[in-house]
C-alpha cells in the first residue's frame, strides 16, 4: 500500500526537474494524478456579502492538493452548519499544477545496506501541489457583517490542516 509522506517533505518550492532524453517521448511526465480538489465555489456565488475573510500565506511554499481539499471540506462543512447553503460564498483561489515525484527507495532485511538509487532520477508522480508566494490568498469567505466571527473561526480551523504559516485577514 502506498503511504502518504508528511507535508513538510514537499513544503519547499523547487523548480520542476525536467527530464532530458534523446528520445522526445521520454522527456515528459506520462501520467499526472488527478487533482483532489472537487469544487472551487461553494455556498451562494451570486449573493451580495459586504465582508470578506481571507486566509493569506506568510511564506513561499507548496501546498499539496490533499491538504487543500481537506481544509476546504472542513471550512465548507462548518459554514454550512452555521449559515445554511445561502448565507455565504466560499472560494478556493489555488489550483495545484506542480507535479510531485518520488523515487522509491527499498530497504531489505539487512538494515546495514540500502538501495543507492540513481543520480537525478526522474521518479514517479505521486501528487500535485500549488506553489505560493508571500501574500497569496488561499481561501476567501464572503459573509454578512454579523457572521465575521464564525467565518474567522472556520479559517483558523483550516490553518491547522495545512503546512506553513498563514494569517487571517478581514476586509
N, C-alpha and C. Protein backbone atom coordinates (compact mmCIF):
# COMPACT_ATOMS: atom_id res chain seq x y z
N UNK A 1 0.84 -1.17 0.00
CA UNK A 1 0.00 0.00 0.00
C UNK A 1 0.89 1.25 0.00
N UNK A 2 0.54 2.21 -0.83
CA UNK A 2 1.32 3.44 -0.90
C UNK A 2 1.01 4.31 0.30
N UNK A 3 2.06 4.82 0.92
CA UNK A 3 1.87 5.67 2.08
C UNK A 3 2.04 7.13 1.68
N UNK A 4 1.37 8.00 2.40
CA UNK A 4 1.45 9.42 2.14
C UNK A 4 2.53 10.02 3.03
N UNK A 5 3.49 10.71 2.42
CA UNK A 5 4.57 11.31 3.19
C UNK A 5 4.09 12.58 3.88
N UNK A 6 4.84 13.02 4.88
CA UNK A 6 4.47 14.22 5.62
C UNK A 6 4.46 15.44 4.70
N UNK A 7 3.62 16.42 5.04
CA UNK A 7 3.52 17.63 4.23
C UNK A 7 4.81 18.41 4.17
N UNK A 8 5.63 18.33 5.22
CA UNK A 8 6.88 19.09 5.24
C UNK A 8 7.89 18.55 4.22
N UNK A 9 7.68 17.34 3.72
CA UNK A 9 8.58 16.77 2.72
C UNK A 9 8.50 17.55 1.40
N UNK A 10 7.34 18.11 1.12
CA UNK A 10 7.13 18.82 -0.14
C UNK A 10 6.87 20.30 0.05
N UNK A 11 7.13 20.83 1.24
CA UNK A 11 6.79 22.21 1.55
C UNK A 11 7.62 23.23 0.77
N UNK A 12 8.91 22.97 0.60
CA UNK A 12 9.81 23.95 -0.03
C UNK A 12 9.61 23.97 -1.54
N UNK A 13 9.56 25.18 -2.09
CA UNK A 13 9.33 25.36 -3.52
C UNK A 13 10.61 25.04 -4.28
N UNK A 14 10.48 24.14 -5.22
CA UNK A 14 11.60 23.78 -6.08
C UNK A 14 11.15 23.85 -7.53
N UNK A 15 12.08 24.18 -8.40
CA UNK A 15 11.77 24.18 -9.82
C UNK A 15 11.55 22.74 -10.26
N UNK A 16 10.61 22.55 -11.12
CA UNK A 16 10.32 21.20 -11.59
C UNK A 16 11.53 20.67 -12.37
N UNK A 17 12.07 19.53 -11.94
CA UNK A 17 13.18 18.92 -12.65
C UNK A 17 12.63 18.35 -13.95
N UNK A 18 13.19 18.76 -15.06
CA UNK A 18 12.73 18.31 -16.36
C UNK A 18 13.66 17.23 -16.86
N UNK A 19 13.09 16.15 -17.23
CA UNK A 19 13.88 15.04 -17.73
C UNK A 19 14.36 15.35 -19.14
N UNK A 20 15.63 15.13 -19.39
CA UNK A 20 16.17 15.36 -20.72
C UNK A 20 16.60 14.01 -21.30
N UNK A 21 16.04 13.72 -22.45
CA UNK A 21 16.35 12.45 -23.08
C UNK A 21 16.55 12.68 -24.58
N UNK A 22 17.33 11.80 -25.20
CA UNK A 22 17.49 11.93 -26.65
C UNK A 22 16.22 11.51 -27.38
N UNK A 23 15.32 10.82 -26.67
CA UNK A 23 14.02 10.46 -27.23
C UNK A 23 12.97 11.40 -26.66
N UNK A 24 12.29 12.14 -27.53
CA UNK A 24 11.37 13.19 -27.10
C UNK A 24 10.25 12.64 -26.21
N UNK A 25 9.76 11.45 -26.51
CA UNK A 25 8.64 10.87 -25.76
C UNK A 25 9.00 10.60 -24.30
N UNK A 26 10.28 10.39 -24.01
CA UNK A 26 10.69 10.10 -22.63
C UNK A 26 10.95 11.37 -21.82
N UNK A 27 10.79 12.54 -22.43
CA UNK A 27 11.06 13.79 -21.74
C UNK A 27 9.86 14.34 -20.99
N UNK A 28 8.74 13.67 -21.01
CA UNK A 28 7.52 14.17 -20.40
C UNK A 28 7.03 13.25 -19.29
N UNK A 29 6.27 13.82 -18.36
CA UNK A 29 5.62 13.01 -17.33
C UNK A 29 4.40 12.37 -17.98
N UNK A 30 4.31 11.05 -17.93
CA UNK A 30 3.26 10.35 -18.66
C UNK A 30 1.90 10.45 -17.98
N UNK A 31 1.86 10.16 -16.70
CA UNK A 31 0.56 10.12 -16.02
C UNK A 31 0.60 11.08 -14.83
N UNK A 32 -0.24 12.11 -14.91
CA UNK A 32 -0.35 13.07 -13.81
C UNK A 32 -1.57 12.71 -12.98
N UNK A 33 -1.42 12.58 -11.66
CA UNK A 33 -2.58 12.24 -10.84
C UNK A 33 -3.64 13.33 -10.90
N UNK A 34 -4.89 12.93 -10.78
CA UNK A 34 -6.00 13.89 -10.81
C UNK A 34 -5.99 14.72 -9.54
N UNK A 35 -6.40 15.97 -9.66
CA UNK A 35 -6.47 16.86 -8.50
C UNK A 35 -7.60 16.41 -7.59
N UNK A 36 -7.37 16.44 -6.30
CA UNK A 36 -8.39 16.00 -5.35
C UNK A 36 -9.37 17.12 -5.00
N UNK A 37 -9.08 18.35 -5.41
CA UNK A 37 -10.00 19.46 -5.13
C UNK A 37 -11.21 19.31 -6.03
N UNK A 38 -12.38 19.19 -5.40
CA UNK A 38 -13.60 18.89 -6.14
C UNK A 38 -14.30 20.16 -6.61
N UNK A 39 -14.45 21.15 -5.73
CA UNK A 39 -15.19 22.37 -6.06
C UNK A 39 -14.37 23.59 -5.64
N UNK A 40 -14.55 24.68 -6.37
CA UNK A 40 -13.84 25.91 -6.07
C UNK A 40 -14.77 27.02 -5.58
N UNK A 41 -16.05 26.94 -5.88
CA UNK A 41 -17.05 27.91 -5.40
C UNK A 41 -18.11 27.15 -4.61
N UNK A 42 -18.35 27.56 -3.36
CA UNK A 42 -19.36 26.91 -2.53
C UNK A 42 -20.27 27.97 -1.92
N UNK A 43 -21.44 27.56 -1.49
CA UNK A 43 -22.40 28.49 -0.90
C UNK A 43 -23.21 29.17 -1.99
N UNK A 44 -23.38 30.49 -1.88
CA UNK A 44 -24.16 31.29 -2.83
C UNK A 44 -23.23 32.22 -3.61
N UNK A 45 -22.76 31.82 -4.80
CA UNK A 45 -21.82 32.65 -5.54
C UNK A 45 -22.42 33.96 -6.06
N UNK A 46 -23.74 34.02 -6.20
CA UNK A 46 -24.38 35.23 -6.73
C UNK A 46 -24.85 36.18 -5.63
N UNK A 47 -24.69 35.77 -4.38
CA UNK A 47 -25.13 36.60 -3.25
C UNK A 47 -24.21 37.80 -3.04
N UNK A 48 -24.77 38.87 -2.49
CA UNK A 48 -24.01 40.08 -2.18
C UNK A 48 -23.68 40.09 -0.69
N UNK A 49 -22.42 39.98 -0.35
CA UNK A 49 -21.98 39.95 1.03
C UNK A 49 -20.95 41.06 1.25
N UNK A 50 -21.15 41.91 2.27
CA UNK A 50 -20.27 43.08 2.45
C UNK A 50 -18.87 42.76 2.98
N UNK A 51 -18.71 41.74 3.78
CA UNK A 51 -17.41 41.45 4.40
C UNK A 51 -16.76 40.24 3.75
N UNK A 52 -15.42 40.26 3.72
CA UNK A 52 -14.70 39.09 3.24
C UNK A 52 -13.57 38.75 4.21
N UNK A 53 -13.44 37.44 4.45
CA UNK A 53 -12.40 36.91 5.33
C UNK A 53 -11.46 36.08 4.48
N UNK A 54 -10.16 36.40 4.53
CA UNK A 54 -9.20 35.73 3.66
C UNK A 54 -8.12 35.00 4.47
N UNK A 55 -7.68 33.88 3.95
CA UNK A 55 -6.54 33.14 4.51
C UNK A 55 -5.36 33.41 3.58
N UNK A 56 -4.31 34.06 4.11
CA UNK A 56 -3.20 34.52 3.29
C UNK A 56 -1.90 33.87 3.78
N UNK A 57 -1.06 33.44 2.83
CA UNK A 57 0.21 32.80 3.19
C UNK A 57 1.22 33.84 3.67
N UNK A 58 2.08 33.42 4.59
CA UNK A 58 3.12 34.29 5.11
C UNK A 58 4.50 33.89 4.61
N UNK A 59 4.59 32.81 3.84
CA UNK A 59 5.88 32.34 3.34
C UNK A 59 5.71 31.71 1.97
N UNK A 60 6.83 31.55 1.29
CA UNK A 60 6.84 30.91 -0.02
C UNK A 60 6.88 29.40 0.20
N UNK A 61 5.91 28.68 -0.36
CA UNK A 61 5.84 27.24 -0.10
C UNK A 61 4.97 26.53 -1.14
N UNK A 62 4.89 25.23 -0.98
CA UNK A 62 3.99 24.40 -1.78
C UNK A 62 2.92 23.83 -0.84
N UNK A 63 1.68 23.82 -1.32
CA UNK A 63 0.60 23.22 -0.54
C UNK A 63 0.04 22.07 -1.37
N UNK A 64 0.05 20.87 -0.81
CA UNK A 64 -0.42 19.70 -1.55
C UNK A 64 -1.92 19.72 -1.74
N UNK A 65 -2.37 19.08 -2.82
CA UNK A 65 -3.78 19.09 -3.16
C UNK A 65 -4.65 18.38 -2.14
N UNK A 66 -4.13 17.35 -1.48
CA UNK A 66 -4.96 16.65 -0.48
C UNK A 66 -5.14 17.49 0.78
N UNK A 67 -4.16 18.31 1.14
CA UNK A 67 -4.35 19.18 2.31
C UNK A 67 -5.28 20.34 1.98
N UNK A 68 -5.23 20.84 0.75
CA UNK A 68 -6.18 21.88 0.32
C UNK A 68 -7.60 21.36 0.34
N UNK A 69 -7.79 20.14 -0.16
CA UNK A 69 -9.14 19.55 -0.18
C UNK A 69 -9.64 19.27 1.23
N UNK A 70 -8.76 18.81 2.11
CA UNK A 70 -9.13 18.54 3.49
C UNK A 70 -9.58 19.82 4.19
N UNK A 71 -8.83 20.91 4.00
CA UNK A 71 -9.20 22.19 4.60
C UNK A 71 -10.48 22.74 3.99
N UNK A 72 -10.66 22.57 2.69
CA UNK A 72 -11.88 23.04 2.01
C UNK A 72 -13.12 22.35 2.56
N UNK A 73 -13.05 21.04 2.72
CA UNK A 73 -14.19 20.27 3.24
C UNK A 73 -14.52 20.71 4.67
N UNK A 74 -13.49 20.89 5.48
CA UNK A 74 -13.69 21.31 6.86
C UNK A 74 -14.37 22.68 6.95
N UNK A 75 -13.86 23.65 6.20
CA UNK A 75 -14.42 25.00 6.23
C UNK A 75 -15.84 25.01 5.68
N UNK A 76 -16.06 24.34 4.56
CA UNK A 76 -17.39 24.34 3.96
C UNK A 76 -18.42 23.69 4.88
N UNK A 77 -18.05 22.61 5.54
CA UNK A 77 -18.98 21.94 6.46
C UNK A 77 -19.31 22.86 7.64
N UNK A 78 -18.31 23.54 8.17
CA UNK A 78 -18.53 24.45 9.30
C UNK A 78 -19.43 25.62 8.89
N UNK A 79 -19.21 26.16 7.69
CA UNK A 79 -20.02 27.27 7.21
C UNK A 79 -21.46 26.84 6.91
N UNK A 80 -21.63 25.65 6.35
CA UNK A 80 -22.99 25.15 6.06
C UNK A 80 -23.78 24.93 7.34
N UNK A 81 -23.14 24.39 8.36
CA UNK A 81 -23.84 24.19 9.64
C UNK A 81 -24.24 25.52 10.27
N UNK A 82 -23.37 26.53 10.13
CA UNK A 82 -23.61 27.81 10.77
C UNK A 82 -24.59 28.70 10.01
N UNK A 83 -24.45 28.78 8.68
CA UNK A 83 -25.23 29.75 7.89
C UNK A 83 -26.22 29.14 6.91
N UNK A 84 -26.22 27.82 6.72
CA UNK A 84 -27.07 27.21 5.68
C UNK A 84 -26.39 27.32 4.32
N UNK A 85 -27.10 26.95 3.26
CA UNK A 85 -26.49 26.94 1.92
C UNK A 85 -26.37 28.31 1.28
N UNK A 86 -27.20 29.27 1.69
CA UNK A 86 -27.22 30.57 1.01
C UNK A 86 -26.65 31.72 1.84
N UNK A 87 -26.05 31.45 2.98
CA UNK A 87 -25.60 32.52 3.86
C UNK A 87 -24.15 32.93 3.69
N UNK A 88 -23.45 32.42 2.69
CA UNK A 88 -22.03 32.71 2.50
C UNK A 88 -21.62 32.38 1.07
N UNK A 89 -20.45 32.84 0.70
CA UNK A 89 -19.81 32.41 -0.56
C UNK A 89 -18.36 32.08 -0.22
N UNK A 90 -17.97 30.83 -0.41
CA UNK A 90 -16.63 30.35 -0.10
C UNK A 90 -15.90 30.06 -1.39
N UNK A 91 -14.68 30.57 -1.49
CA UNK A 91 -13.94 30.50 -2.74
C UNK A 91 -12.53 29.95 -2.49
N UNK A 92 -12.11 28.96 -3.28
CA UNK A 92 -10.75 28.42 -3.24
C UNK A 92 -9.98 29.07 -4.39
N UNK A 93 -8.88 29.77 -4.07
CA UNK A 93 -8.13 30.51 -5.09
C UNK A 93 -7.04 29.69 -5.76
N UNK A 94 -6.47 28.72 -5.07
CA UNK A 94 -5.32 28.00 -5.61
C UNK A 94 -5.74 26.79 -6.44
N UNK A 95 -4.96 26.52 -7.48
CA UNK A 95 -5.14 25.30 -8.26
C UNK A 95 -3.78 24.60 -8.31
N UNK A 96 -3.73 23.32 -7.91
CA UNK A 96 -2.43 22.62 -7.89
C UNK A 96 -1.98 22.22 -9.30
N UNK A 97 -0.87 22.79 -9.74
CA UNK A 97 -0.31 22.49 -11.07
C UNK A 97 0.98 21.69 -11.00
N UNK A 98 1.74 21.89 -9.95
CA UNK A 98 3.09 21.32 -9.85
C UNK A 98 3.02 19.83 -9.52
N UNK A 99 3.66 19.01 -10.34
CA UNK A 99 3.65 17.56 -10.13
C UNK A 99 4.75 17.18 -9.15
N UNK A 100 4.38 16.44 -8.11
CA UNK A 100 5.34 15.97 -7.11
C UNK A 100 5.76 14.56 -7.48
N UNK A 101 7.08 14.31 -7.47
CA UNK A 101 7.57 12.99 -7.84
C UNK A 101 8.42 12.42 -6.72
N UNK A 102 8.47 11.10 -6.70
CA UNK A 102 9.23 10.43 -5.66
C UNK A 102 9.95 9.23 -6.25
N UNK A 103 11.22 9.08 -5.91
CA UNK A 103 11.98 7.90 -6.31
C UNK A 103 11.99 6.97 -5.11
N UNK A 104 11.22 5.90 -5.17
CA UNK A 104 11.10 4.99 -4.04
C UNK A 104 12.42 4.30 -3.75
N UNK A 105 12.76 4.26 -2.49
CA UNK A 105 13.97 3.58 -2.05
C UNK A 105 13.57 2.32 -1.28
N UNK A 106 14.21 1.23 -1.60
CA UNK A 106 13.87 -0.03 -0.96
C UNK A 106 14.89 -0.36 0.12
N UNK A 107 14.39 -0.89 1.22
CA UNK A 107 15.28 -1.39 2.26
C UNK A 107 14.91 -2.85 2.50
N UNK A 108 15.89 -3.65 2.74
CA UNK A 108 15.64 -5.08 2.93
C UNK A 108 15.78 -5.48 4.37
N UNK A 109 15.90 -6.79 4.59
CA UNK A 109 16.03 -7.30 5.94
C UNK A 109 17.36 -6.87 6.55
N UNK A 110 18.39 -6.74 5.72
CA UNK A 110 19.68 -6.28 6.23
C UNK A 110 19.66 -4.76 6.34
N UNK A 111 19.53 -4.26 7.55
CA UNK A 111 19.42 -2.82 7.76
C UNK A 111 20.72 -2.08 7.48
N UNK A 112 21.83 -2.83 7.32
CA UNK A 112 23.12 -2.19 7.10
C UNK A 112 23.29 -1.69 5.66
N UNK A 113 22.49 -2.19 4.75
CA UNK A 113 22.62 -1.72 3.37
C UNK A 113 21.25 -1.29 2.83
N UNK A 114 21.28 -0.26 1.99
CA UNK A 114 20.05 0.29 1.42
C UNK A 114 20.30 0.60 -0.04
N UNK A 115 19.25 0.61 -0.80
CA UNK A 115 19.36 0.90 -2.23
C UNK A 115 19.93 2.31 -2.42
N UNK A 116 20.88 2.44 -3.32
CA UNK A 116 21.51 3.74 -3.56
C UNK A 116 20.65 4.63 -4.45
N UNK A 117 19.88 4.04 -5.35
CA UNK A 117 19.07 4.84 -6.27
C UNK A 117 19.90 5.33 -7.43
N UNK A 118 19.34 6.24 -8.18
CA UNK A 118 20.04 6.78 -9.34
C UNK A 118 20.23 8.28 -9.16
N UNK A 119 21.32 8.79 -9.68
CA UNK A 119 21.56 10.23 -9.59
C UNK A 119 20.58 10.94 -10.52
N UNK A 120 19.92 11.98 -10.01
CA UNK A 120 18.91 12.75 -10.75
C UNK A 120 17.84 11.87 -11.37
N UNK A 121 17.36 10.89 -10.63
CA UNK A 121 16.33 10.02 -11.17
C UNK A 121 15.02 10.80 -11.27
N UNK A 122 14.22 10.46 -12.25
CA UNK A 122 13.00 11.23 -12.56
C UNK A 122 11.90 10.96 -11.56
N UNK A 123 11.78 9.76 -11.06
CA UNK A 123 10.76 9.44 -10.06
C UNK A 123 9.37 9.23 -10.66
N UNK A 124 8.46 8.79 -9.80
CA UNK A 124 7.09 8.51 -10.19
C UNK A 124 6.20 9.63 -9.66
N UNK A 125 5.21 10.05 -10.42
CA UNK A 125 4.30 11.11 -9.98
C UNK A 125 3.45 10.60 -8.82
N UNK A 126 3.50 11.31 -7.69
CA UNK A 126 2.76 10.86 -6.50
C UNK A 126 1.67 11.86 -6.09
N UNK A 127 1.69 13.04 -6.62
CA UNK A 127 0.67 14.02 -6.23
C UNK A 127 0.88 15.36 -6.92
N UNK A 128 0.05 16.33 -6.54
CA UNK A 128 0.11 17.67 -7.09
C UNK A 128 0.24 18.68 -5.96
N UNK A 129 0.79 19.84 -6.28
CA UNK A 129 0.91 20.90 -5.28
C UNK A 129 0.70 22.25 -5.95
N UNK A 130 0.21 23.19 -5.15
CA UNK A 130 0.08 24.57 -5.60
C UNK A 130 1.24 25.35 -5.00
N UNK A 131 1.98 26.07 -5.83
CA UNK A 131 3.10 26.86 -5.34
C UNK A 131 2.63 28.27 -5.02
N UNK A 132 3.03 28.77 -3.85
CA UNK A 132 2.56 30.08 -3.40
C UNK A 132 3.73 31.00 -3.12
N UNK A 133 3.46 32.29 -3.16
CA UNK A 133 4.41 33.33 -2.75
C UNK A 133 3.92 33.92 -1.44
N UNK A 134 4.67 34.82 -0.87
CA UNK A 134 4.25 35.53 0.33
C UNK A 134 3.07 36.43 -0.05
N UNK A 135 1.99 36.33 0.71
CA UNK A 135 0.81 37.17 0.45
C UNK A 135 -0.19 36.57 -0.51
N UNK A 136 -0.04 35.32 -0.89
CA UNK A 136 -1.01 34.67 -1.77
C UNK A 136 -2.27 34.34 -0.99
N UNK A 137 -3.43 34.65 -1.58
CA UNK A 137 -4.70 34.33 -0.95
C UNK A 137 -5.05 32.88 -1.26
N UNK A 138 -5.30 32.08 -0.23
CA UNK A 138 -5.62 30.66 -0.40
C UNK A 138 -7.13 30.49 -0.47
N UNK A 139 -7.84 30.96 0.56
CA UNK A 139 -9.30 30.87 0.64
C UNK A 139 -9.88 32.25 0.90
N UNK A 140 -11.11 32.48 0.42
CA UNK A 140 -11.85 33.68 0.75
C UNK A 140 -13.28 33.29 1.09
N UNK A 141 -13.81 33.88 2.16
CA UNK A 141 -15.21 33.68 2.54
C UNK A 141 -15.88 35.05 2.53
N UNK A 142 -16.97 35.17 1.77
CA UNK A 142 -17.78 36.39 1.75
C UNK A 142 -18.99 36.14 2.64
N UNK A 143 -19.17 37.01 3.66
CA UNK A 143 -20.26 36.83 4.64
C UNK A 143 -20.88 38.18 5.00
N UNK A 144 -22.10 38.16 5.59
CA UNK A 144 -22.65 39.39 6.17
C UNK A 144 -21.83 39.82 7.39
N UNK A 145 -21.95 41.08 7.77
CA UNK A 145 -21.14 41.62 8.88
C UNK A 145 -21.35 40.88 10.19
N UNK A 146 -22.55 40.39 10.42
CA UNK A 146 -22.84 39.71 11.69
C UNK A 146 -22.13 38.36 11.81
N UNK A 147 -21.71 37.77 10.71
CA UNK A 147 -21.14 36.41 10.71
C UNK A 147 -19.62 36.36 10.57
N UNK A 148 -18.94 37.49 10.72
CA UNK A 148 -17.49 37.54 10.51
C UNK A 148 -16.75 36.68 11.53
N UNK A 149 -17.20 36.66 12.77
CA UNK A 149 -16.50 35.92 13.83
C UNK A 149 -16.50 34.41 13.53
N UNK A 150 -17.62 33.90 13.08
CA UNK A 150 -17.73 32.46 12.76
C UNK A 150 -16.87 32.13 11.54
N UNK A 151 -16.86 33.01 10.53
CA UNK A 151 -16.03 32.79 9.34
C UNK A 151 -14.55 32.79 9.71
N UNK A 152 -14.16 33.68 10.63
CA UNK A 152 -12.78 33.73 11.09
C UNK A 152 -12.39 32.44 11.81
N UNK A 153 -13.32 31.92 12.60
CA UNK A 153 -13.07 30.67 13.33
C UNK A 153 -12.86 29.51 12.35
N UNK A 154 -13.65 29.47 11.29
CA UNK A 154 -13.50 28.39 10.31
C UNK A 154 -12.18 28.49 9.56
N UNK A 155 -11.69 29.71 9.34
CA UNK A 155 -10.37 29.88 8.71
C UNK A 155 -9.26 29.44 9.65
N UNK A 156 -9.43 29.67 10.94
CA UNK A 156 -8.45 29.21 11.93
C UNK A 156 -8.39 27.68 11.95
N UNK A 157 -9.54 27.04 11.77
CA UNK A 157 -9.56 25.57 11.72
C UNK A 157 -8.86 25.06 10.46
N UNK A 158 -9.01 25.78 9.34
CA UNK A 158 -8.36 25.38 8.09
C UNK A 158 -6.85 25.52 8.18
N UNK A 159 -6.40 26.50 8.95
CA UNK A 159 -4.97 26.76 9.12
C UNK A 159 -4.25 25.54 9.69
N UNK A 160 -4.92 24.81 10.57
CA UNK A 160 -4.32 23.64 11.21
C UNK A 160 -4.18 22.46 10.24
N UNK A 161 -4.95 22.44 9.18
CA UNK A 161 -4.93 21.32 8.24
C UNK A 161 -3.81 21.41 7.20
N UNK A 162 -3.19 22.58 7.08
CA UNK A 162 -2.20 22.77 6.04
C UNK A 162 -0.84 23.16 6.64
N UNK A 163 0.24 22.74 5.98
CA UNK A 163 1.57 23.11 6.46
C UNK A 163 1.85 24.58 6.14
N UNK A 164 2.72 25.19 6.91
CA UNK A 164 3.09 26.57 6.66
C UNK A 164 2.42 27.52 7.65
N UNK A 165 2.72 28.81 7.47
CA UNK A 165 2.15 29.82 8.35
C UNK A 165 1.22 30.73 7.54
N UNK A 166 0.10 31.06 8.13
CA UNK A 166 -0.93 31.84 7.46
C UNK A 166 -1.44 32.94 8.37
N UNK A 167 -2.07 33.93 7.78
CA UNK A 167 -2.74 34.96 8.56
C UNK A 167 -4.18 35.07 8.06
N UNK A 168 -5.08 35.38 8.97
CA UNK A 168 -6.49 35.56 8.63
C UNK A 168 -6.75 37.07 8.59
N UNK A 169 -7.23 37.56 7.46
CA UNK A 169 -7.46 38.99 7.27
C UNK A 169 -8.93 39.23 6.98
N UNK A 170 -9.51 40.22 7.66
CA UNK A 170 -10.90 40.62 7.41
C UNK A 170 -10.89 41.93 6.66
N UNK A 171 -11.58 41.97 5.52
CA UNK A 171 -11.65 43.21 4.73
C UNK A 171 -13.09 43.59 4.48
